[in-house]
Amino acid sequence: MSAPIPVILNPAAKSTQAAAREKVIRALSPAPELILTSAPGEATEIAAKLAKDGHPLVVAAGGDGTMNEVLQGICQVNANRSAGEKHTALGVLPVGTMNVFSLEMGLPSSDIANCWQKISSGRLKEIDLWLANEQYFVQLAGVGFDAEVIQETPWERKKKFGPLSYVMSAVQVLMRTPPAVRLQIAGRPDMHGSVVLIGAGKHYGGPVPVFPKSNNQDGLLDVIIFKGLGGWEFVQMVRAILERGYDSALDIDYLQVREFTVIAAPDAPFEVDGELATGVTPVHFRAADFKIQIAV
């Protein structure tokens, strides 16, 4: 009989529903090994220990933030494994505020039992793994505006207002002067703007495919550069999404690249998978030396 699949749960996320969510997870079949975190960053430590102990699959139960914490721990261990040694895979039970990555992977957040059946089936999909400086990500990243929004959104506001809390913070950030951002890409002239959005998959903030050309197995990052930061740029982005193309967006550049560096003046924060990253610009985006397997 195989060992139970470890599931790391952040009970603080959506705390009013924490008890009910924990009960649902404990009742899943096959029964998981549920591990509760008690502090920010602890999911990374737990995931790393589980990976070192040889677990073939570690599951994050929460939103994209919990997923990325678990991803860091798994990847820190996988990075040190010898050639041919089996890597630990990642699973995601989408029970958090934002579940963009699970949406990308076709995992149903509305039916956790069905989602668990997919995760525990043994079926894996290998996708691209990326680095922003030394921090791993699999779905999205951003420099400037969206990172500032995350930075300005306290946990208390997220707990009270959910996704609306980010809209409230966005209004505050839009009232400031954005940083001057520069992209350095080998073999190309520098590109300039005020906001950089990066997609490893099609989805960014929800069900809308912000990056229509993206494929998480093609070895490319899709990059959107806003030349300014105002309502007109956002109108162009919405129109491009609806029309399935950015060709007519005069104040937005859309490109696909393997590696690049973002510099900002003044230095700007950046985020990975919807969570504020450690440090500020400059930030170097590149592929990791290995890929990551996802339970689907």
C-alpha atoms as a PDB file:
ATOM      1  CA  MET A   1       0.000   0.000   0.000  1.00  0.00           C
ATOM      2  CA  SER A   2       1.456   3.359  -1.036  1.00  0.00           C
ATOM      3  CA  ALA A   3       2.085   6.101   1.515  1.00  0.00           C
ATOM      4  CA  PRO A   4      -0.485   8.927   1.797  1.00  0.00           C
ATOM      5  CA  ILE A   5       0.166  11.967  -0.405  1.00  0.00           C
ATOM      6  CA  PRO A   6       1.317  14.924   1.732  1.00  0.00           C
ATOM      7  CA  VAL A   7      -0.867  18.033   1.468  1.00  0.00           C
ATOM      8  CA  ILE A   8       0.414  21.331   2.890  1.00  0.00           C
ATOM      9  CA  LEU A   9      -2.456  23.614   3.941  1.00  0.00           C
ATOM     10  CA  ASN A  10      -2.249  27.255   4.906  1.00  0.00           C
ATOM     11  CA  PRO A  11      -5.171  27.493   7.388  1.00  0.00           C
ATOM     12  CA  ALA A  12      -4.902  31.297   7.584  1.00  0.00           C
ATOM     13  CA  ALA A  13      -6.048  31.804   3.992  1.00  0.00           C
ATOM     14  CA  LYS A  14      -9.764  32.718   3.987  1.00  0.00           C
ATOM     15  CA  SER A  15      -9.699  32.065   7.727  1.00  0.00           C
ATOM     16  CA  THR A  16     -13.496  32.186   8.157  1.00  0.00           C
ATOM     17  CA  GLN A  17     -13.702  29.060   5.985  1.00  0.00           C
ATOM     18  CA  ALA A  18     -10.593  27.358   7.370  1.00  0.00           C
ATOM     19  CA  ALA A  19     -12.312  24.756   9.529  1.00  0.00           C
ATOM     20  CA  ALA A  20     -14.733  23.695   6.803  1.00  0.00           C
ATOM     21  CA  ARG A  21     -11.944  23.492   4.218  1.00  0.00           C
ATOM     22  CA  GLU A  22      -9.753  21.389   6.495  1.00  0.00           C
ATOM     23  CA  LYS A  23     -12.675  19.026   7.107  1.00  0.00           C
ATOM     24  CA  VAL A  24     -13.243  18.621   3.366  1.00  0.00           C
ATOM     25  CA  ILE A  25      -9.568  17.837   2.733  1.00  0.00           C
ATOM     26  CA  ARG A  26      -9.375  15.312   5.568  1.00  0.00           C
ATOM     27  CA  ALA A  27     -12.403  13.517   4.095  1.00  0.00           C
ATOM     28  CA  LEU A  28     -10.823  13.070   0.645  1.00  0.00           C
ATOM     29  CA  SER A  29     -10.191   9.599  -0.710  1.00  0.00           C
ATOM     30  CA  PRO A  30      -7.526   8.330  -0.852  1.00  0.00           C
ATOM     31  CA  ALA A  31      -6.864  10.016   2.492  1.00  0.00           C
ATOM     32  CA  PRO A  32      -4.012  12.562   2.351  1.00  0.00           C
ATOM     33  CA  GLU A  33      -1.381  13.325   4.969  1.00  0.00           C
ATOM     34  CA  LEU A  34      -2.504  16.835   5.912  1.00  0.00           C
ATOM     35  CA  ILE A  35       0.181  19.193   7.243  1.00  0.00           C
ATOM     36  CA  LEU A  36      -0.835  22.642   8.539  1.00  0.00           C
ATOM     37  CA  THR A  37       1.443  25.667   8.361  1.00  0.00           C
ATOM     38  CA  SER A  38       1.623  28.220  11.154  1.00  0.00           C
ATOM     39  CA  ALA A  39       3.739  31.042   9.676  1.00  0.00           C
ATOM     40  CA  PRO A  40       4.641  32.659   6.333  1.00  0.00           C
ATOM     41  CA  GLY A  41       7.410  30.766   4.543  1.00  0.00           C
ATOM     42  CA  GLU A  42       6.894  27.588   6.539  1.00  0.00           C
ATOM     43  CA  ALA A  43       5.345  25.816   3.540  1.00  0.00           C
ATOM     44  CA  THR A  44       8.695  26.129   1.749  1.00  0.00           C
ATOM     45  CA  GLU A  45      10.552  24.476   4.624  1.00  0.00           C
ATOM     46  CA  ILE A  46       7.991  21.677   4.918  1.00  0.00           C
ATOM     47  CA  ALA A  47       7.985  21.028   1.169  1.00  0.00           C
ATOM     48  CA  ALA A  48      11.783  20.880   1.064  1.00  0.00           C
ATOM     49  CA  LYS A  49      11.865  18.334   3.899  1.00  0.00           C
ATOM     50  CA  LEU A  50       9.206  16.191   2.235  1.00  0.00           C
ATOM     51  CA  ALA A  51      11.102  16.284  -1.061  1.00  0.00           C
ATOM     52  CA  LYS A  52      14.371  15.363   0.699  1.00  0.00           C
ATOM     53  CA  ASP A  53      12.572  12.453   2.386  1.00  0.00           C
ATOM     54  CA  GLY A  54      11.786  11.105  -1.068  1.00  0.00           C
ATOM     55  CA  HIS A  55       8.100  11.905  -1.500  1.00  0.00           C
ATOM     56  CA  PRO A  56       7.330  11.700  -5.237  1.00  0.00           C
ATOM     57  CA  LEU A  57       4.513  14.273  -4.951  1.00  0.00           C
ATOM     58  CA  VAL A  58       3.869  17.197  -2.598  1.00  0.00           C
ATOM     59  CA  VAL A  59       0.545  19.048  -2.798  1.00  0.00           C
ATOM     60  CA  ALA A  60      -0.119  22.706  -1.944  1.00  0.00           C
ATOM     61  CA  ALA A  61      -3.627  23.425  -0.624  1.00  0.00           C
ATOM     62  CA  GLY A  62      -4.354  27.123  -0.900  1.00  0.00           C
ATOM     63  CA  GLY A  63      -4.010  29.866  -3.484  1.00  0.00           C
ATOM     64  CA  ASP A  64      -1.164  30.819  -5.772  1.00  0.00           C
ATOM     65  CA  GLY A  65       0.867  32.121  -2.838  1.00  0.00           C
ATOM     66  CA  THR A  66       0.837  28.774  -1.032  1.00  0.00           C
ATOM     67  CA  MET A  67       1.539  27.034  -4.342  1.00  0.00           C
ATOM     68  CA  ASN A  68       4.618  29.173  -4.931  1.00  0.00           C
ATOM     69  CA  GLU A  69       5.923  28.613  -1.391  1.00  0.00           C
ATOM     70  CA  VAL A  70       5.680  24.854  -1.899  1.00  0.00           C
ATOM     71  CA  LEU A  71       7.238  25.206  -5.355  1.00  0.00           C
ATOM     72  CA  GLN A  72      10.300  26.934  -3.851  1.00  0.00           C
ATOM     73  CA  GLY A  73      10.886  24.070  -1.414  1.00  0.00           C
ATOM     74  CA  ILE A  74      10.449  21.330  -4.013  1.00  0.00           C
ATOM     75  CA  CYS A  75      12.676  23.062  -6.545  1.00  0.00           C
ATOM     76  CA  GLN A  76      15.446  23.795  -4.046  1.00  0.00           C
ATOM     77  CA  VAL A  77      15.739  20.038  -3.543  1.00  0.00           C
ATOM     78  CA  ASN A  78      15.232  19.059  -7.192  1.00  0.00           C
ATOM     79  CA  ALA A  79      17.996  21.480  -8.213  1.00  0.00           C
ATOM     80  CA  ASN A  80      20.526  19.492  -6.195  1.00  0.00           C
ATOM     81  CA  ARG A  81      19.548  16.074  -7.491  1.00  0.00           C
ATOM     82  CA  SER A  82      21.931  14.209  -9.754  1.00  0.00           C
ATOM     83  CA  ALA A  83      21.201  13.487 -13.406  1.00  0.00           C
ATOM     84  CA  GLY A  84      18.643  10.706 -13.724  1.00  0.00           C
ATOM     85  CA  GLU A  85      17.488  10.992 -10.114  1.00  0.00           C
ATOM     86  CA  LYS A  86      13.701  11.201  -9.803  1.00  0.00           C
ATOM     87  CA  HIS A  87      12.336  14.678  -9.057  1.00  0.00           C
ATOM     88  CA  THR A  88       9.498  15.505  -6.685  1.00  0.00           C
ATOM     89  CA  ALA A  89       6.335  16.633  -8.490  1.00  0.00           C
ATOM     90  CA  LEU A  90       3.943  19.421  -7.470  1.00  0.00           C
ATOM     91  CA  GLY A  91       0.205  19.131  -6.909  1.00  0.00           C
ATOM     92  CA  VAL A  92      -2.261  21.957  -6.267  1.00  0.00           C
ATOM     93  CA  LEU A  93      -5.584  21.881  -4.418  1.00  0.00           C
ATOM     94  CA  PRO A  94      -7.062  25.298  -5.312  1.00  0.00           C
ATOM     95  CA  VAL A  95      -8.739  26.523  -2.122  1.00  0.00           C
ATOM     96  CA  GLY A  96      -7.239  30.028  -1.853  1.00  0.00           C
ATOM     97  CA  THR A  97      -8.189  33.565  -2.824  1.00  0.00           C
ATOM     98  CA  MET A  98      -6.463  33.466  -6.221  1.00  0.00           C
ATOM     99  CA  ASN A  99      -6.031  30.161  -8.090  1.00  0.00           C
ATOM    100  CA  VAL A 100      -4.632  31.183 -11.483  1.00  0.00           C
ATOM    101  CA  PHE A 101      -2.175  28.305 -11.823  1.00  0.00           C
ATOM    102  CA  SER A 102      -4.789  25.623 -11.115  1.00  0.00           C
ATOM    103  CA  LEU A 103      -7.017  27.251 -13.730  1.00  0.00           C
ATOM    104  CA  GLU A 104      -4.158  27.051 -16.226  1.00  0.00           C
ATOM    105  CA  MET A 105      -3.671  23.365 -15.438  1.00  0.00           C
ATOM    106  CA  GLY A 106      -7.384  22.555 -15.753  1.00  0.00           C
ATOM    107  CA  LEU A 107      -7.868  21.707 -12.074  1.00  0.00           C
ATOM    108  CA  PRO A 108     -11.431  22.470 -10.891  1.00  0.00           C
ATOM    109  CA  SER A 109     -11.520  24.757  -7.843  1.00  0.00           C
ATOM    110  CA  SER A 110     -15.299  24.330  -7.657  1.00  0.00           C
ATOM    111  CA  ASP A 111     -15.036  20.569  -7.052  1.00  0.00           C
ATOM    112  CA  ILE A 112     -12.201  19.682  -4.671  1.00  0.00           C
ATOM    113  CA  ALA A 113     -13.072  15.977  -4.617  1.00  0.00           C
ATOM    114  CA  ASN A 114     -12.818  15.810  -8.417  1.00  0.00           C
ATOM    115  CA  CYS A 115      -9.618  17.846  -8.292  1.00  0.00           C
ATOM    116  CA  TRP A 116      -8.141  15.401  -5.773  1.00  0.00           C
ATOM    117  CA  GLN A 117      -8.988  12.467  -8.010  1.00  0.00           C
ATOM    118  CA  LYS A 118      -6.994  14.101 -10.796  1.00  0.00           C
ATOM    119  CA  ILE A 119      -4.039  14.887  -8.514  1.00  0.00           C
ATOM    120  CA  SER A 120      -3.929  11.403  -6.977  1.00  0.00           C
ATOM    121  CA  SER A 121      -4.330   9.593 -10.306  1.00  0.00           C
ATOM    122  CA  GLY A 122      -0.579   9.459 -10.914  1.00  0.00           C
ATOM    123  CA  ARG A 123      -0.843  11.419 -14.153  1.00  0.00           C
ATOM    124  CA  LEU A 124       1.865  14.109 -14.515  1.00  0.00           C
ATOM    125  CA  LYS A 125       2.488  16.933 -16.960  1.00  0.00           C
ATOM    126  CA  GLU A 126       5.982  18.380 -17.362  1.00  0.00           C
ATOM    127  CA  ILE A 127       6.053  22.150 -17.855  1.00  0.00           C
ATOM    128  CA  ASP A 128       8.620  24.924 -18.053  1.00  0.00           C
ATOM    129  CA  LEU A 129      10.138  26.227 -14.830  1.00  0.00           C
ATOM    130  CA  TRP A 130      11.437  29.788 -14.598  1.00  0.00           C
ATOM    131  CA  LEU A 131      13.644  31.915 -12.367  1.00  0.00           C
ATOM    132  CA  ALA A 132      13.326  35.585 -11.442  1.00  0.00           C
ATOM    133  CA  ASN A 133      16.802  36.141 -10.021  1.00  0.00           C
ATOM    134  CA  GLU A 134      16.890  33.091  -7.718  1.00  0.00           C
ATOM    135  CA  GLN A 135      13.147  32.682  -7.150  1.00  0.00           C
ATOM    136  CA  TYR A 136      11.196  30.026  -9.034  1.00  0.00           C
ATOM    137  CA  PHE A 137       7.847  30.561 -10.749  1.00  0.00           C
ATOM    138  CA  VAL A 138       5.579  28.638 -13.117  1.00  0.00           C
ATOM    139  CA  GLN A 139       2.666  30.892 -14.074  1.00  0.00           C
ATOM    140  CA  LEU A 140       3.328  34.617 -14.024  1.00  0.00           C
ATOM    141  CA  ALA A 141       5.521  37.466 -12.869  1.00  0.00           C
ATOM    142  CA  GLY A 142       5.490  41.233 -13.004  1.00  0.00           C
ATOM    143  CA  VAL A 143       7.625  44.292 -12.417  1.00  0.00           C
ATOM    144  CA  GLY A 144       6.210  47.599 -11.261  1.00  0.00           C
ATOM    145  CA  PHE A 145       2.467  48.160 -11.058  1.00  0.00           C
ATOM    146  CA  ASP A 146       1.139  44.713 -10.137  1.00  0.00           C
ATOM    147  CA  ALA A 147       3.959  44.084  -7.658  1.00  0.00           C
ATOM    148  CA  GLU A 148       3.207  47.431  -6.028  1.00  0.00           C
ATOM    149  CA  VAL A 149      -0.475  46.476  -5.800  1.00  0.00           C
ATOM    150  CA  ILE A 150       0.444  43.255  -3.998  1.00  0.00           C
ATOM    151  CA  GLN A 151       2.842  45.201  -1.757  1.00  0.00           C
ATOM    152  CA  GLU A 152       0.046  47.630  -0.853  1.00  0.00           C
ATOM    153  CA  THR A 153      -2.566  44.952  -0.071  1.00  0.00           C
ATOM    154  CA  PRO A 154      -2.413  43.911   3.598  1.00  0.00           C
ATOM    155  CA  TRP A 155      -3.646  40.503   4.692  1.00  0.00           C
ATOM    156  CA  GLU A 156      -6.488  42.043   6.709  1.00  0.00           C
ATOM    157  CA  ARG A 157      -7.884  43.678   3.559  1.00  0.00           C
ATOM    158  CA  LYS A 158      -7.585  40.444   1.549  1.00  0.00           C
ATOM    159  CA  LYS A 159      -9.382  38.557   4.315  1.00  0.00           C
ATOM    160  CA  LYS A 160     -12.231  41.079   4.359  1.00  0.00           C
ATOM    161  CA  PHE A 161     -12.666  41.880   0.667  1.00  0.00           C
ATOM    162  CA  GLY A 162     -11.086  38.954  -1.225  1.00  0.00           C
ATOM    163  CA  PRO A 163     -10.036  39.749  -4.839  1.00  0.00           C
ATOM    164  CA  LEU A 164     -11.680  43.206  -4.549  1.00  0.00           C
ATOM    165  CA  SER A 165      -8.871  44.185  -2.170  1.00  0.00           C
ATOM    166  CA  TYR A 166      -6.443  44.236  -5.106  1.00  0.00           C
ATOM    167  CA  VAL A 167      -8.696  46.646  -7.001  1.00  0.00           C
ATOM    168  CA  MET A 168      -8.698  48.973  -4.013  1.00  0.00           C
ATOM    169  CA  SER A 169      -4.890  48.906  -3.868  1.00  0.00           C
ATOM    170  CA  ALA A 170      -4.634  49.407  -7.638  1.00  0.00           C
ATOM    171  CA  VAL A 171      -6.475  52.719  -7.336  1.00  0.00           C
ATOM    172  CA  GLN A 172      -3.890  53.898  -4.806  1.00  0.00           C
ATOM    173  CA  VAL A 173      -0.935  52.814  -6.964  1.00  0.00           C
ATOM    174  CA  LEU A 174      -2.352  54.436 -10.117  1.00  0.00           C
ATOM    175  CA  MET A 175      -2.198  57.828  -8.401  1.00  0.00           C
ATOM    176  CA  ARG A 176       1.626  57.637  -8.233  1.00  0.00           C
ATOM    177  CA  THR A 177       4.272  58.273 -10.861  1.00  0.00           C
ATOM    178  CA  PRO A 178       5.400  54.889 -12.199  1.00  0.00           C
ATOM    179  CA  PRO A 179       9.090  53.938 -12.417  1.00  0.00           C
ATOM    180  CA  ALA A 180      10.970  54.123 -15.703  1.00  0.00           C
ATOM    181  CA  VAL A 181      11.474  50.504 -16.749  1.00  0.00           C
ATOM    182  CA  ARG A 182      14.037  49.174 -19.235  1.00  0.00           C
ATOM    183  CA  LEU A 183      14.244  45.679 -20.705  1.00  0.00           C
ATOM    184  CA  GLN A 184      17.612  44.340 -21.800  1.00  0.00           C
ATOM    185  CA  ILE A 185      17.417  41.444 -24.282  1.00  0.00           C
ATOM    186  CA  ALA A 186      20.532  39.989 -25.861  1.00  0.00           C
ATOM    187  CA  GLY A 187      20.856  40.961 -29.517  1.00  0.00           C
ATOM    188  CA  ARG A 188      18.071  43.574 -29.410  1.00  0.00           C
ATOM    189  CA  PRO A 189      17.842  47.288 -28.628  1.00  0.00           C
ATOM    190  CA  ASP A 190      16.671  48.076 -25.107  1.00  0.00           C
ATOM    191  CA  MET A 191      12.911  48.443 -24.682  1.00  0.00           C
ATOM    192  CA  HIS A 192      11.340  51.058 -22.422  1.00  0.00           C
ATOM    193  CA  GLY A 193       8.095  51.357 -20.503  1.00  0.00           C
ATOM    194  CA  SER A 194       6.550  51.670 -17.061  1.00  0.00           C
ATOM    195  CA  VAL A 195       5.065  48.218 -16.364  1.00  0.00           C
ATOM    196  CA  VAL A 196       6.147  44.703 -17.343  1.00  0.00           C
ATOM    197  CA  LEU A 197       3.790  41.722 -17.159  1.00  0.00           C
ATOM    198  CA  ILE A 198       5.234  38.247 -17.737  1.00  0.00           C
ATOM    199  CA  GLY A 199       3.338  35.071 -18.539  1.00  0.00           C
ATOM    200  CA  ALA A 200       4.533  31.482 -18.478  1.00  0.00           C
ATOM    201  CA  GLY A 201       0.900  30.501 -19.134  1.00  0.00           C
ATOM    202  CA  LYS A 202      -2.074  32.167 -20.792  1.00  0.00           C
ATOM    203  CA  HIS A 203      -3.783  33.395 -17.613  1.00  0.00           C
ATOM    204  CA  TYR A 204      -2.706  36.255 -15.401  1.00  0.00           C
ATOM    205  CA  GLY A 205      -5.260  37.520 -12.884  1.00  0.00           C
ATOM    206  CA  GLY A 206      -8.145  35.184 -13.563  1.00  0.00           C
ATOM    207  CA  PRO A 207     -10.001  33.354 -16.341  1.00  0.00           C
ATOM    208  CA  VAL A 208      -9.146  35.882 -19.071  1.00  0.00           C
ATOM    209  CA  PRO A 209      -6.216  34.780 -21.322  1.00  0.00           C
ATOM    210  CA  VAL A 210      -3.993  37.853 -21.073  1.00  0.00           C
ATOM    211  CA  PHE A 211      -1.191  36.029 -22.938  1.00  0.00           C
ATOM    212  CA  PRO A 212      -2.989  34.391 -25.900  1.00  0.00           C
ATOM    213  CA  LYS A 213       0.174  32.975 -27.503  1.00  0.00           C
ATOM    214  CA  SER A 214       1.611  31.483 -24.329  1.00  0.00           C
ATOM    215  CA  ASN A 215       2.405  27.795 -23.988  1.00  0.00           C
ATOM    216  CA  ASN A 216       3.949  26.491 -20.765  1.00  0.00           C
ATOM    217  CA  GLN A 217       5.939  23.872 -22.669  1.00  0.00           C
ATOM    218  CA  ASP A 218       7.528  26.024 -25.404  1.00  0.00           C
ATOM    219  CA  GLY A 219      10.525  27.404 -23.468  1.00  0.00           C
ATOM    220  CA  LEU A 220       9.370  31.006 -23.962  1.00  0.00           C
ATOM    221  CA  LEU A 221       8.068  33.735 -21.674  1.00  0.00           C
ATOM    222  CA  ASP A 222       5.381  36.043 -23.026  1.00  0.00           C
ATOM    223  CA  VAL A 223       6.049  39.665 -22.078  1.00  0.00           C
ATOM    224  CA  ILE A 224       3.757  42.701 -22.176  1.00  0.00           C
ATOM    225  CA  ILE A 225       5.360  46.132 -21.803  1.00  0.00           C
ATOM    226  CA  PHE A 226       3.134  49.102 -21.004  1.00  0.00           C
ATOM    227  CA  LYS A 227       4.770  52.244 -22.357  1.00  0.00           C
ATOM    228  CA  GLY A 228       2.724  54.340 -19.932  1.00  0.00           C
ATOM    229  CA  LEU A 229       0.500  53.672 -16.930  1.00  0.00           C
ATOM    230  CA  GLY A 230      -2.984  54.980 -17.508  1.00  0.00           C
ATOM    231  CA  GLY A 231      -6.496  54.104 -18.541  1.00  0.00           C
ATOM    232  CA  TRP A 232      -5.723  54.185 -22.264  1.00  0.00           C
ATOM    233  CA  GLU A 233      -3.112  51.416 -21.952  1.00  0.00           C
ATOM    234  CA  PHE A 234      -5.552  49.232 -20.034  1.00  0.00           C
ATOM    235  CA  VAL A 235      -8.256  49.860 -22.637  1.00  0.00           C
ATOM    236  CA  GLN A 236      -5.831  48.704 -25.323  1.00  0.00           C
ATOM    237  CA  MET A 237      -4.996  45.580 -23.349  1.00  0.00           C
ATOM    238  CA  VAL A 238      -8.676  44.693 -22.888  1.00  0.00           C
ATOM    239  CA  ARG A 239      -9.334  45.266 -26.588  1.00  0.00           C
ATOM    240  CA  ALA A 240      -6.318  43.124 -27.495  1.00  0.00           C
ATOM    241  CA  ILE A 241      -7.569  40.304 -25.250  1.00  0.00           C
ATOM    242  CA  LEU A 242     -11.052  40.465 -26.776  1.00  0.00           C
ATOM    243  CA  GLU A 243      -9.670  40.629 -30.316  1.00  0.00           C
ATOM    244  CA  ARG A 244      -7.012  37.977 -29.569  1.00  0.00           C
ATOM    245  CA  GLY A 245      -4.022  40.083 -30.507  1.00  0.00           C
ATOM    246  CA  TYR A 246      -1.816  42.999 -29.470  1.00  0.00           C
ATOM    247  CA  ASP A 247      -0.745  44.023 -32.985  1.00  0.00           C
ATOM    248  CA  SER A 248      -2.935  47.140 -33.010  1.00  0.00           C
ATOM    249  CA  ALA A 249      -2.040  48.266 -29.473  1.00  0.00           C
ATOM    250  CA  LEU A 250       0.193  51.285 -30.075  1.00  0.00           C
ATOM    251  CA  ASP A 251       1.165  51.795 -26.430  1.00  0.00           C
ATOM    252  CA  ILE A 252       1.774  48.151 -25.582  1.00  0.00           C
ATOM    253  CA  ASP A 253       4.543  45.842 -26.780  1.00  0.00           C
ATOM    254  CA  TYR A 254       4.014  42.057 -26.783  1.00  0.00           C
ATOM    255  CA  LEU A 255       6.928  39.701 -27.323  1.00  0.00           C
ATOM    256  CA  GLN A 256       8.098  36.158 -26.620  1.00  0.00           C
ATOM    257  CA  VAL A 257      11.643  35.649 -25.332  1.00  0.00           C
ATOM    258  CA  ARG A 258      13.740  33.072 -23.477  1.00  0.00           C
ATOM    259  CA  GLU A 259      15.738  35.397 -21.236  1.00  0.00           C
ATOM    260  CA  PHE A 260      15.892  39.089 -20.329  1.00  0.00           C
ATOM    261  CA  THR A 261      16.690  41.570 -17.567  1.00  0.00           C
ATOM    262  CA  VAL A 262      14.463  44.350 -16.214  1.00  0.00           C
ATOM    263  CA  ILE A 263      16.005  47.510 -14.747  1.00  0.00           C
ATOM    264  CA  ALA A 264      13.927  50.290 -13.169  1.00  0.00           C
ATOM    265  CA  ALA A 265      14.574  53.826 -11.955  1.00  0.00           C
ATOM    266  CA  PRO A 266      13.866  54.129  -9.121  1.00  0.00           C
ATOM    267  CA  ASP A 267      14.205  50.460  -8.192  1.00  0.00           C
ATOM    268  CA  ALA A 268      10.850  48.678  -8.347  1.00  0.00           C
ATOM    269  CA  PRO A 269       9.417  45.595  -6.628  1.00  0.00           C
ATOM    270  CA  PHE A 270       8.602  42.467  -8.597  1.00  0.00           C
ATOM    271  CA  GLU A 271       6.292  39.515  -8.011  1.00  0.00           C
ATOM    272  CA  VAL A 272       6.239  35.842  -8.947  1.00  0.00           C
ATOM    273  CA  ASP A 273       3.044  33.779  -9.181  1.00  0.00           C
ATOM    274  CA  GLY A 274       1.124  36.627  -7.579  1.00  0.00           C
ATOM    275  CA  GLU A 275       3.322  36.906  -4.494  1.00  0.00           C
ATOM    276  CA  LEU A 276       5.743  39.721  -3.714  1.00  0.00           C
ATOM    277  CA  ALA A 277       9.287  38.521  -4.369  1.00  0.00           C
ATOM    278  CA  THR A 278      12.309  39.163  -2.191  1.00  0.00           C
ATOM    279  CA  GLY A 279      14.332  42.154  -3.348  1.00  0.00           C
ATOM    280  CA  VAL A 280      13.833  44.755  -6.069  1.00  0.00           C
ATOM    281  CA  THR A 281      15.071  45.395  -9.593  1.00  0.00           C
ATOM    282  CA  PRO A 282      17.258  44.668 -11.433  1.00  0.00           C
ATOM    283  CA  VAL A 283      15.717  41.240 -11.991  1.00  0.00           C
ATOM    284  CA  HIS A 284      16.940  38.626 -14.455  1.00  0.00           C
ATOM    285  CA  PHE A 285      14.348  36.257 -15.928  1.00  0.00           C
ATOM    286  CA  ARG A 286      15.548  32.942 -17.339  1.00  0.00           C
ATOM    287  CA  ALA A 287      14.693  29.256 -17.586  1.00  0.00           C
ATOM    288  CA  ALA A 288      15.682  26.974 -14.729  1.00  0.00           C
ATOM    289  CA  ASP A 289      18.104  24.132 -15.462  1.00  0.00           C
ATOM    290  CA  PHE A 290      15.282  21.595 -15.158  1.00  0.00           C
ATOM    291  CA  LYS A 291      11.518  21.412 -15.626  1.00  0.00           C
ATOM    292  CA  ILE A 292       8.779  20.719 -13.102  1.00  0.00           C
ATOM    293  CA  GLN A 293       6.198  17.935 -13.158  1.00  0.00           C
ATOM    294  CA  ILE A 294       2.616  18.805 -12.166  1.00  0.00           C
ATOM    295  CA  ALA A 295      -0.031  16.334 -11.016  1.00  0.00           C
ATOM    296  CA  VAL A 296      -3.020  16.708 -13.312  1.00  0.00           C
END
